[in-house]
Amino acid sequence: MAKWIPQHEAPEPLEGPVVATITGGTIVWFVLFLVQLPFYGWFHEHGHLWWLWTCLTGGGLGLIGIWYVRGRDAALKRAARERPESTPVD
């Protein structure tokens, strides 16, 4: 079997509103949890209680994600400020 060798370089990673995206997703997970909470009995009777706990877990992990991406965003901005301006070479 031949070893796979890339034929071209990988593209640059896409940068976008990462903090806003993670925050929005976390809000959606918590809203889904709150919407399902009144139906706790039905979920329990039908063996679907994990749906409720999946939404709560998604919201909790989203909070960790928000903390992480805010720190990453701050580190990227700090690195950009500390980077010396490039001087043109004559």
C-alpha atoms as a PDB file:
ATOM      1  CA  MET A   1       0.000   0.000   0.000  1.00  0.00           C
ATOM      2  CA  ALA A   2       1.422   3.366  -1.009  1.00  0.00           C
ATOM      3  CA  LYS A   3       1.822   6.044   1.600  1.00  0.00           C
ATOM      4  CA  TRP A   4      -0.522   8.956   1.128  1.00  0.00           C
ATOM      5  CA  ILE A   5       1.372  12.111   0.236  1.00  0.00           C
ATOM      6  CA  PRO A   6      -0.520  15.392  -0.035  1.00  0.00           C
ATOM      7  CA  GLN A   7      -0.380  16.971  -3.466  1.00  0.00           C
ATOM      8  CA  HIS A   8      -0.885  20.538  -2.196  1.00  0.00           C
ATOM      9  CA  GLU A   9      -0.584  22.466   1.034  1.00  0.00           C
ATOM     10  CA  ALA A  10      -3.448  22.572   3.481  1.00  0.00           C
ATOM     11  CA  PRO A  11      -5.546  25.745   3.384  1.00  0.00           C
ATOM     12  CA  GLU A  12      -5.330  28.304   6.161  1.00  0.00           C
ATOM     13  CA  PRO A  13      -7.844  27.765   8.996  1.00  0.00           C
ATOM     14  CA  LEU A  14     -11.010  29.823   8.760  1.00  0.00           C
ATOM     15  CA  GLU A  15     -11.305  32.538  11.371  1.00  0.00           C
ATOM     16  CA  GLY A  16     -14.665  33.955  12.214  1.00  0.00           C
ATOM     17  CA  PRO A  17     -16.750  35.077  15.164  1.00  0.00           C
ATOM     18  CA  VAL A  18     -15.747  32.050  17.253  1.00  0.00           C
ATOM     19  CA  VAL A  19     -16.784  33.464  20.631  1.00  0.00           C
ATOM     20  CA  ALA A  20     -20.211  34.441  19.321  1.00  0.00           C
ATOM     21  CA  THR A  21     -20.687  31.036  17.684  1.00  0.00           C
ATOM     22  CA  ILE A  22     -19.831  29.099  20.842  1.00  0.00           C
ATOM     23  CA  THR A  23     -21.972  31.418  22.979  1.00  0.00           C
ATOM     24  CA  GLY A  24     -24.930  30.972  20.636  1.00  0.00           C
ATOM     25  CA  GLY A  25     -24.573  27.198  20.674  1.00  0.00           C
ATOM     26  CA  THR A  26     -24.373  27.155  24.473  1.00  0.00           C
ATOM     27  CA  ILE A  27     -27.535  29.229  24.729  1.00  0.00           C
ATOM     28  CA  VAL A  28     -29.320  26.810  22.385  1.00  0.00           C
ATOM     29  CA  TRP A  29     -28.303  23.816  24.561  1.00  0.00           C
ATOM     30  CA  PHE A  30     -29.602  25.518  27.736  1.00  0.00           C
ATOM     31  CA  VAL A  31     -32.844  26.573  26.039  1.00  0.00           C
ATOM     32  CA  LEU A  32     -33.400  22.996  24.844  1.00  0.00           C
ATOM     33  CA  PHE A  33     -32.833  21.783  28.410  1.00  0.00           C
ATOM     34  CA  LEU A  34     -35.348  24.282  29.816  1.00  0.00           C
ATOM     35  CA  VAL A  35     -37.938  23.482  27.143  1.00  0.00           C
ATOM     36  CA  GLN A  36     -37.706  19.747  27.894  1.00  0.00           C
ATOM     37  CA  LEU A  37     -37.677  20.096  31.683  1.00  0.00           C
ATOM     38  CA  PRO A  38     -41.489  20.262  32.078  1.00  0.00           C
ATOM     39  CA  PHE A  39     -41.706  16.882  30.297  1.00  0.00           C
ATOM     40  CA  TYR A  40     -39.339  15.151  32.738  1.00  0.00           C
ATOM     41  CA  GLY A  41     -41.978  12.539  33.664  1.00  0.00           C
ATOM     42  CA  TRP A  42     -42.706  11.626  30.060  1.00  0.00           C
ATOM     43  CA  PHE A  43     -39.015  11.279  29.242  1.00  0.00           C
ATOM     44  CA  HIS A  44     -38.525   9.107  32.333  1.00  0.00           C
ATOM     45  CA  GLU A  45     -41.486   6.837  31.486  1.00  0.00           C
ATOM     46  CA  HIS A  46     -40.337   6.295  27.899  1.00  0.00           C
ATOM     47  CA  GLY A  47     -36.637   5.800  28.624  1.00  0.00           C
ATOM     48  CA  HIS A  48     -35.597   9.059  26.997  1.00  0.00           C
ATOM     49  CA  LEU A  49     -34.288  10.837  30.070  1.00  0.00           C
ATOM     50  CA  TRP A  50     -30.864  10.984  28.473  1.00  0.00           C
ATOM     51  CA  TRP A  51     -32.216  13.618  26.066  1.00  0.00           C
ATOM     52  CA  LEU A  52     -32.624  16.003  28.983  1.00  0.00           C
ATOM     53  CA  TRP A  53     -29.178  15.300  30.418  1.00  0.00           C
ATOM     54  CA  THR A  54     -27.549  15.592  26.989  1.00  0.00           C
ATOM     55  CA  CYS A  55     -28.846  19.156  26.679  1.00  0.00           C
ATOM     56  CA  LEU A  56     -27.632  20.047  30.170  1.00  0.00           C
ATOM     57  CA  THR A  57     -24.225  18.517  29.446  1.00  0.00           C
ATOM     58  CA  GLY A  58     -24.025  20.410  26.127  1.00  0.00           C
ATOM     59  CA  GLY A  59     -24.700  23.659  27.965  1.00  0.00           C
ATOM     60  CA  GLY A  60     -22.101  22.878  30.613  1.00  0.00           C
ATOM     61  CA  LEU A  61     -19.465  21.971  28.040  1.00  0.00           C
ATOM     62  CA  GLY A  62     -20.417  25.104  26.142  1.00  0.00           C
ATOM     63  CA  LEU A  63     -19.526  27.185  29.199  1.00  0.00           C
ATOM     64  CA  ILE A  64     -16.086  25.566  29.192  1.00  0.00           C
ATOM     65  CA  GLY A  65     -15.896  26.269  25.452  1.00  0.00           C
ATOM     66  CA  ILE A  66     -16.727  29.944  25.973  1.00  0.00           C
ATOM     67  CA  TRP A  67     -13.974  30.227  28.579  1.00  0.00           C
ATOM     68  CA  TYR A  68     -11.519  28.519  26.226  1.00  0.00           C
ATOM     69  CA  VAL A  69     -12.270  30.517  23.059  1.00  0.00           C
ATOM     70  CA  ARG A  70     -12.291  33.834  24.951  1.00  0.00           C
ATOM     71  CA  GLY A  71      -8.818  33.025  26.259  1.00  0.00           C
ATOM     72  CA  ARG A  72      -7.675  31.980  22.791  1.00  0.00           C
ATOM     73  CA  ASP A  73      -9.080  35.145  21.241  1.00  0.00           C
ATOM     74  CA  ALA A  74      -7.361  37.289  23.877  1.00  0.00           C
ATOM     75  CA  ALA A  75      -4.049  35.462  23.296  1.00  0.00           C
ATOM     76  CA  LEU A  76      -4.298  35.979  19.515  1.00  0.00           C
ATOM     77  CA  LYS A  77      -4.986  39.690  19.964  1.00  0.00           C
ATOM     78  CA  ARG A  78      -2.135  40.020  22.471  1.00  0.00           C
ATOM     79  CA  ALA A  79       0.263  38.251  20.091  1.00  0.00           C
ATOM     80  CA  ALA A  80      -0.807  40.519  17.235  1.00  0.00           C
ATOM     81  CA  ARG A  81      -0.114  43.626  19.353  1.00  0.00           C
ATOM     82  CA  GLU A  82       3.290  42.339  20.448  1.00  0.00           C
ATOM     83  CA  ARG A  83       4.393  41.406  16.941  1.00  0.00           C
ATOM     84  CA  PRO A  84       6.813  44.048  15.632  1.00  0.00           C
ATOM     85  CA  GLU A  85       5.821  45.899  12.532  1.00  0.00           C
ATOM     86  CA  SER A  86       7.562  44.527   9.466  1.00  0.00           C
ATOM     87  CA  THR A  87       9.970  46.960   7.877  1.00  0.00           C
ATOM     88  CA  PRO A  88      10.276  47.067   4.092  1.00  0.00           C
ATOM     89  CA  VAL A  89      13.579  45.779   2.718  1.00  0.00           C
ATOM     90  CA  ASP A  90      15.232  48.031   0.117  1.00  0.00           C
END
